[in-house]
Amino acid sequence: MDVENLQSAKNITTAVYALQALGFVFGITFVVAVVLNYIKREDVRGTWLESHFRWQIRTFWYGLLWSALGTLLAIILVGWFIWAAAVVWVIYRIAKGWLRLSEGKEMYV
């Protein structure tokens, strides 16, 4: 991948982290972010940005899973703790990924 395309892919990766963060306010942007990941996934295949896309996609799906489980179990109160832990975990993953991206580092697999 040439330098120009790599910079474009890095900009998209940054935008996905921003959309994920905005998901806490607008919700739908989290879905937009993962759709963007899947659309642009082939463009980053074989580059260091591929690990960020994998990280972002997993953040979405596991965040959704834990949030749904927390919501289902909210009736017996333990769900609130699961939901809160999921929120903290997603915030951590967005922050960690965004920081490593800004440092030009891969995400660990």
N, C-alpha and C. Protein backbone atom coordinates (compact mmCIF):
# COMPACT_ATOMS: atom_id res chain seq x y z
N MET A 1 0.86 -1.17 0.00
CA MET A 1 0.00 0.00 0.00
C MET A 1 0.90 1.24 0.00
N ASP A 2 0.60 2.18 -0.88
CA ASP A 2 1.43 3.38 -0.94
C ASP A 2 1.09 4.33 0.22
N VAL A 3 1.93 5.32 0.38
CA VAL A 3 1.83 6.24 1.51
C VAL A 3 0.49 6.98 1.53
N GLU A 4 0.04 7.41 0.36
CA GLU A 4 -1.22 8.16 0.28
C GLU A 4 -2.42 7.30 0.70
N ASN A 5 -2.47 6.07 0.21
CA ASN A 5 -3.55 5.16 0.57
C ASN A 5 -3.48 4.76 2.05
N LEU A 6 -2.26 4.60 2.55
CA LEU A 6 -2.09 4.26 3.96
C LEU A 6 -2.59 5.40 4.85
N GLN A 7 -2.30 6.64 4.47
CA GLN A 7 -2.79 7.79 5.24
C GLN A 7 -4.31 7.88 5.19
N SER A 8 -4.88 7.60 4.04
CA SER A 8 -6.34 7.59 3.90
C SER A 8 -6.96 6.52 4.80
N ALA A 9 -6.35 5.34 4.82
CA ALA A 9 -6.84 4.25 5.68
C ALA A 9 -6.69 4.60 7.15
N LYS A 10 -5.62 5.30 7.50
CA LYS A 10 -5.42 5.72 8.88
C LYS A 10 -6.49 6.75 9.27
N ASN A 11 -6.84 7.64 8.33
CA ASN A 11 -7.89 8.62 8.60
C ASN A 11 -9.24 7.93 8.83
N ILE A 12 -9.52 6.90 8.05
CA ILE A 12 -10.76 6.14 8.23
C ILE A 12 -10.76 5.44 9.59
N THR A 13 -9.62 4.88 9.96
CA THR A 13 -9.50 4.21 11.26
C THR A 13 -9.74 5.20 12.39
N THR A 14 -9.20 6.39 12.26
CA THR A 14 -9.43 7.45 13.24
C THR A 14 -10.91 7.81 13.30
N ALA A 15 -11.53 7.93 12.14
CA ALA A 15 -12.96 8.27 12.08
C ALA A 15 -13.80 7.20 12.76
N VAL A 16 -13.41 5.93 12.60
CA VAL A 16 -14.16 4.85 13.24
C VAL A 16 -14.07 4.96 14.76
N TYR A 17 -12.87 5.25 15.28
CA TYR A 17 -12.75 5.45 16.73
C TYR A 17 -13.63 6.62 17.19
N ALA A 18 -13.65 7.69 16.42
CA ALA A 18 -14.48 8.85 16.76
C ALA A 18 -15.96 8.48 16.74
N LEU A 19 -16.37 7.74 15.72
CA LEU A 19 -17.77 7.31 15.64
C LEU A 19 -18.14 6.40 16.80
N GLN A 20 -17.20 5.52 17.20
CA GLN A 20 -17.48 4.66 18.34
C GLN A 20 -17.65 5.51 19.60
N ALA A 21 -16.80 6.49 19.79
CA ALA A 21 -16.92 7.35 20.97
C ALA A 21 -18.23 8.13 20.94
N LEU A 22 -18.61 8.62 19.78
CA LEU A 22 -19.88 9.34 19.65
C LEU A 22 -21.08 8.43 19.87
N GLY A 23 -20.85 7.13 19.76
CA GLY A 23 -21.92 6.16 19.99
C GLY A 23 -22.51 6.26 21.38
N PHE A 24 -21.74 6.76 22.33
CA PHE A 24 -22.28 6.93 23.69
C PHE A 24 -23.30 8.06 23.76
N VAL A 25 -23.25 8.96 22.79
CA VAL A 25 -24.20 10.08 22.75
C VAL A 25 -25.32 9.80 21.75
N PHE A 26 -24.95 9.32 20.57
CA PHE A 26 -25.92 9.18 19.49
C PHE A 26 -26.31 7.73 19.17
N GLY A 27 -25.64 6.76 19.73
CA GLY A 27 -25.99 5.36 19.53
C GLY A 27 -25.75 4.84 18.12
N ILE A 28 -26.44 5.40 17.16
CA ILE A 28 -26.37 4.90 15.79
C ILE A 28 -24.97 5.01 15.19
N THR A 29 -24.16 5.93 15.70
CA THR A 29 -22.81 6.08 15.14
C THR A 29 -21.94 4.85 15.41
N PHE A 30 -22.28 4.10 16.46
CA PHE A 30 -21.55 2.86 16.72
C PHE A 30 -21.81 1.86 15.58
N VAL A 31 -23.04 1.81 15.11
CA VAL A 31 -23.41 0.93 14.00
C VAL A 31 -22.74 1.42 12.71
N VAL A 32 -22.76 2.72 12.49
CA VAL A 32 -22.11 3.30 11.31
C VAL A 32 -20.62 2.94 11.31
N ALA A 33 -20.00 2.99 12.49
CA ALA A 33 -18.57 2.67 12.61
C ALA A 33 -18.28 1.24 12.19
N VAL A 34 -19.05 0.28 12.67
CA VAL A 34 -18.78 -1.12 12.33
C VAL A 34 -19.09 -1.40 10.86
N VAL A 35 -20.10 -0.74 10.31
CA VAL A 35 -20.39 -0.90 8.88
C VAL A 35 -19.21 -0.37 8.06
N LEU A 36 -18.67 0.76 8.45
CA LEU A 36 -17.50 1.33 7.80
C LEU A 36 -16.30 0.37 7.89
N ASN A 37 -16.13 -0.25 9.06
CA ASN A 37 -15.07 -1.26 9.23
C ASN A 37 -15.21 -2.38 8.20
N TYR A 38 -16.41 -2.91 8.07
CA TYR A 38 -16.62 -4.03 7.16
C TYR A 38 -16.45 -3.60 5.69
N ILE A 39 -16.89 -2.40 5.35
CA ILE A 39 -16.75 -1.91 3.98
C ILE A 39 -15.28 -1.73 3.60
N LYS A 40 -14.48 -1.16 4.51
CA LYS A 40 -13.09 -0.81 4.21
C LYS A 40 -12.08 -1.87 4.64
N ARG A 41 -12.56 -2.99 5.14
CA ARG A 41 -11.69 -4.04 5.69
C ARG A 41 -10.66 -4.54 4.68
N GLU A 42 -11.08 -4.75 3.44
CA GLU A 42 -10.16 -5.26 2.41
C GLU A 42 -9.05 -4.26 2.12
N ASP A 43 -9.34 -2.97 2.25
CA ASP A 43 -8.35 -1.94 1.95
C ASP A 43 -7.16 -1.97 2.92
N VAL A 44 -7.37 -2.46 4.12
CA VAL A 44 -6.29 -2.46 5.12
C VAL A 44 -5.67 -3.85 5.31
N ARG A 45 -6.18 -4.84 4.59
CA ARG A 45 -5.66 -6.20 4.72
C ARG A 45 -4.16 -6.21 4.44
N GLY A 46 -3.40 -6.81 5.37
CA GLY A 46 -1.96 -6.92 5.21
C GLY A 46 -1.17 -5.72 5.72
N THR A 47 -1.86 -4.72 6.26
CA THR A 47 -1.17 -3.56 6.82
C THR A 47 -1.29 -3.58 8.34
N TRP A 48 -0.57 -2.71 9.00
CA TRP A 48 -0.64 -2.63 10.46
C TRP A 48 -2.01 -2.14 10.93
N LEU A 49 -2.76 -1.50 10.03
CA LEU A 49 -4.09 -1.01 10.39
C LEU A 49 -5.13 -2.13 10.47
N GLU A 50 -4.82 -3.27 9.88
CA GLU A 50 -5.75 -4.40 9.94
C GLU A 50 -6.03 -4.79 11.39
N SER A 51 -5.01 -4.71 12.24
CA SER A 51 -5.20 -5.07 13.65
C SER A 51 -6.15 -4.09 14.34
N HIS A 52 -6.15 -2.83 13.93
CA HIS A 52 -7.07 -1.85 14.50
C HIS A 52 -8.51 -2.15 14.06
N PHE A 53 -8.66 -2.52 12.80
CA PHE A 53 -10.00 -2.86 12.33
C PHE A 53 -10.55 -4.07 13.09
N ARG A 54 -9.70 -5.09 13.29
CA ARG A 54 -10.12 -6.27 14.07
C ARG A 54 -10.51 -5.84 15.48
N TRP A 55 -9.71 -4.97 16.10
CA TRP A 55 -9.97 -4.46 17.45
C TRP A 55 -11.31 -3.72 17.49
N GLN A 56 -11.55 -2.87 16.51
CA GLN A 56 -12.79 -2.09 16.47
C GLN A 56 -14.01 -2.97 16.26
N ILE A 57 -13.90 -3.94 15.37
CA ILE A 57 -15.02 -4.85 15.11
C ILE A 57 -15.34 -5.68 16.35
N ARG A 58 -14.30 -6.18 17.01
CA ARG A 58 -14.52 -6.96 18.24
C ARG A 58 -15.09 -6.10 19.35
N THR A 59 -14.64 -4.86 19.42
CA THR A 59 -15.19 -3.94 20.43
C THR A 59 -16.69 -3.79 20.23
N PHE A 60 -17.12 -3.63 18.99
CA PHE A 60 -18.55 -3.49 18.70
C PHE A 60 -19.33 -4.73 19.11
N TRP A 61 -18.91 -5.90 18.59
CA TRP A 61 -19.70 -7.11 18.82
C TRP A 61 -19.70 -7.56 20.28
N TYR A 62 -18.54 -7.53 20.94
CA TYR A 62 -18.52 -7.92 22.35
C TYR A 62 -19.21 -6.88 23.22
N GLY A 63 -19.07 -5.61 22.86
CA GLY A 63 -19.79 -4.56 23.59
C GLY A 63 -21.30 -4.74 23.47
N LEU A 64 -21.76 -5.08 22.28
CA LEU A 64 -23.18 -5.34 22.06
C LEU A 64 -23.65 -6.55 22.85
N LEU A 65 -22.85 -7.61 22.82
CA LEU A 65 -23.19 -8.83 23.56
C LEU A 65 -23.32 -8.56 25.05
N TRP A 66 -22.31 -7.91 25.65
CA TRP A 66 -22.34 -7.66 27.09
C TRP A 66 -23.41 -6.65 27.47
N SER A 67 -23.66 -5.68 26.62
CA SER A 67 -24.72 -4.71 26.89
C SER A 67 -26.09 -5.37 26.85
N ALA A 68 -26.29 -6.25 25.86
CA ALA A 68 -27.57 -6.96 25.76
C ALA A 68 -27.76 -7.88 26.96
N LEU A 69 -26.71 -8.59 27.36
CA LEU A 69 -26.79 -9.47 28.53
C LEU A 69 -27.11 -8.65 29.79
N GLY A 70 -26.44 -7.53 29.93
CA GLY A 70 -26.69 -6.65 31.07
C GLY A 70 -28.12 -6.14 31.09
N THR A 71 -28.62 -5.79 29.92
CA THR A 71 -29.99 -5.30 29.82
C THR A 71 -30.98 -6.41 30.19
N LEU A 72 -30.73 -7.62 29.69
CA LEU A 72 -31.62 -8.74 30.01
C LEU A 72 -31.62 -9.08 31.50
N LEU A 73 -30.46 -8.95 32.14
CA LEU A 73 -30.35 -9.30 33.55
C LEU A 73 -30.58 -8.11 34.50
N ALA A 74 -30.95 -6.98 33.94
CA ALA A 74 -31.17 -5.79 34.77
C ALA A 74 -32.30 -6.01 35.78
N ILE A 75 -33.22 -6.88 35.44
CA ILE A 75 -34.34 -7.18 36.34
C ILE A 75 -33.86 -7.74 37.67
N ILE A 76 -32.77 -8.50 37.63
CA ILE A 76 -32.27 -9.07 38.89
C ILE A 76 -31.04 -8.32 39.41
N LEU A 77 -30.91 -7.09 38.99
CA LEU A 77 -29.89 -6.15 39.46
C LEU A 77 -28.47 -6.45 39.02
N VAL A 78 -28.09 -7.71 38.88
CA VAL A 78 -26.72 -8.02 38.46
C VAL A 78 -26.46 -7.46 37.06
N GLY A 79 -27.51 -7.32 36.29
CA GLY A 79 -27.38 -6.78 34.94
C GLY A 79 -26.83 -5.37 34.91
N TRP A 80 -27.15 -4.59 35.92
CA TRP A 80 -26.63 -3.21 35.99
C TRP A 80 -25.11 -3.22 36.12
N PHE A 81 -24.59 -4.17 36.87
CA PHE A 81 -23.13 -4.28 37.03
C PHE A 81 -22.48 -4.77 35.73
N ILE A 82 -23.13 -5.71 35.07
CA ILE A 82 -22.62 -6.19 33.79
C ILE A 82 -22.63 -5.06 32.77
N TRP A 83 -23.73 -4.32 32.73
CA TRP A 83 -23.85 -3.21 31.79
C TRP A 83 -22.79 -2.13 32.07
N ALA A 84 -22.60 -1.79 33.34
CA ALA A 84 -21.59 -0.79 33.71
C ALA A 84 -20.19 -1.26 33.33
N ALA A 85 -19.90 -2.53 33.58
CA ALA A 85 -18.59 -3.08 33.23
C ALA A 85 -18.40 -3.05 31.71
N ALA A 86 -19.45 -3.32 30.96
CA ALA A 86 -19.37 -3.29 29.49
C ALA A 86 -19.06 -1.87 29.01
N VAL A 87 -19.69 -0.88 29.61
CA VAL A 87 -19.44 0.51 29.23
C VAL A 87 -17.98 0.88 29.50
N VAL A 88 -17.48 0.54 30.67
CA VAL A 88 -16.09 0.84 31.01
C VAL A 88 -15.14 0.11 30.05
N TRP A 89 -15.44 -1.14 29.74
CA TRP A 89 -14.61 -1.93 28.85
C TRP A 89 -14.57 -1.32 27.45
N VAL A 90 -15.71 -0.88 26.94
CA VAL A 90 -15.77 -0.27 25.60
C VAL A 90 -14.99 1.05 25.60
N ILE A 91 -15.16 1.86 26.63
CA ILE A 91 -14.41 3.11 26.72
C ILE A 91 -12.91 2.83 26.73
N TYR A 92 -12.50 1.84 27.50
CA TYR A 92 -11.08 1.45 27.54
C TYR A 92 -10.58 1.07 26.15
N ARG A 93 -11.35 0.25 25.44
CA ARG A 93 -10.91 -0.23 24.12
C ARG A 93 -10.84 0.90 23.11
N ILE A 94 -11.77 1.82 23.16
CA ILE A 94 -11.71 2.96 22.25
C ILE A 94 -10.48 3.81 22.56
N ALA A 95 -10.27 4.11 23.83
CA ALA A 95 -9.13 4.95 24.23
C ALA A 95 -7.80 4.26 23.90
N LYS A 96 -7.68 2.98 24.25
CA LYS A 96 -6.45 2.24 24.01
C LYS A 96 -6.13 2.16 22.52
N GLY A 97 -7.14 1.84 21.74
CA GLY A 97 -6.94 1.74 20.29
C GLY A 97 -6.58 3.06 19.66
N TRP A 98 -7.28 4.12 20.06
CA TRP A 98 -7.04 5.44 19.49
C TRP A 98 -5.63 5.92 19.85
N LEU A 99 -5.20 5.67 21.07
CA LEU A 99 -3.85 6.06 21.48
C LEU A 99 -2.79 5.30 20.69
N ARG A 100 -2.96 4.00 20.55
CA ARG A 100 -1.97 3.21 19.79
C ARG A 100 -1.97 3.62 18.31
N LEU A 101 -3.13 3.96 17.77
CA LEU A 101 -3.20 4.44 16.40
C LEU A 101 -2.41 5.74 16.25
N SER A 102 -2.59 6.66 17.19
CA SER A 102 -1.89 7.95 17.11
C SER A 102 -0.39 7.77 17.26
N GLU A 103 0.04 6.68 17.91
CA GLU A 103 1.47 6.37 18.05
C GLU A 103 2.00 5.56 16.87
N GLY A 104 1.11 5.20 15.95
CA GLY A 104 1.52 4.41 14.79
C GLY A 104 1.82 2.97 15.11
N LYS A 105 1.17 2.45 16.16
CA LYS A 105 1.42 1.06 16.59
C LYS A 105 0.23 0.16 16.27
N GLU A 106 0.56 -1.10 16.02
CA GLU A 106 -0.49 -2.11 15.84
C GLU A 106 -1.18 -2.38 17.16
N MET A 107 -2.38 -2.92 17.05
CA MET A 107 -3.04 -3.45 18.25
C MET A 107 -2.55 -4.87 18.43
N TYR A 108 -2.44 -5.29 19.68
CA TYR A 108 -2.02 -6.65 19.92
C TYR A 108 -3.20 -7.56 19.63
N VAL A 109 -2.88 -8.75 19.21
CA VAL A 109 -3.95 -9.66 18.80
C VAL A 109 -4.26 -10.63 19.91
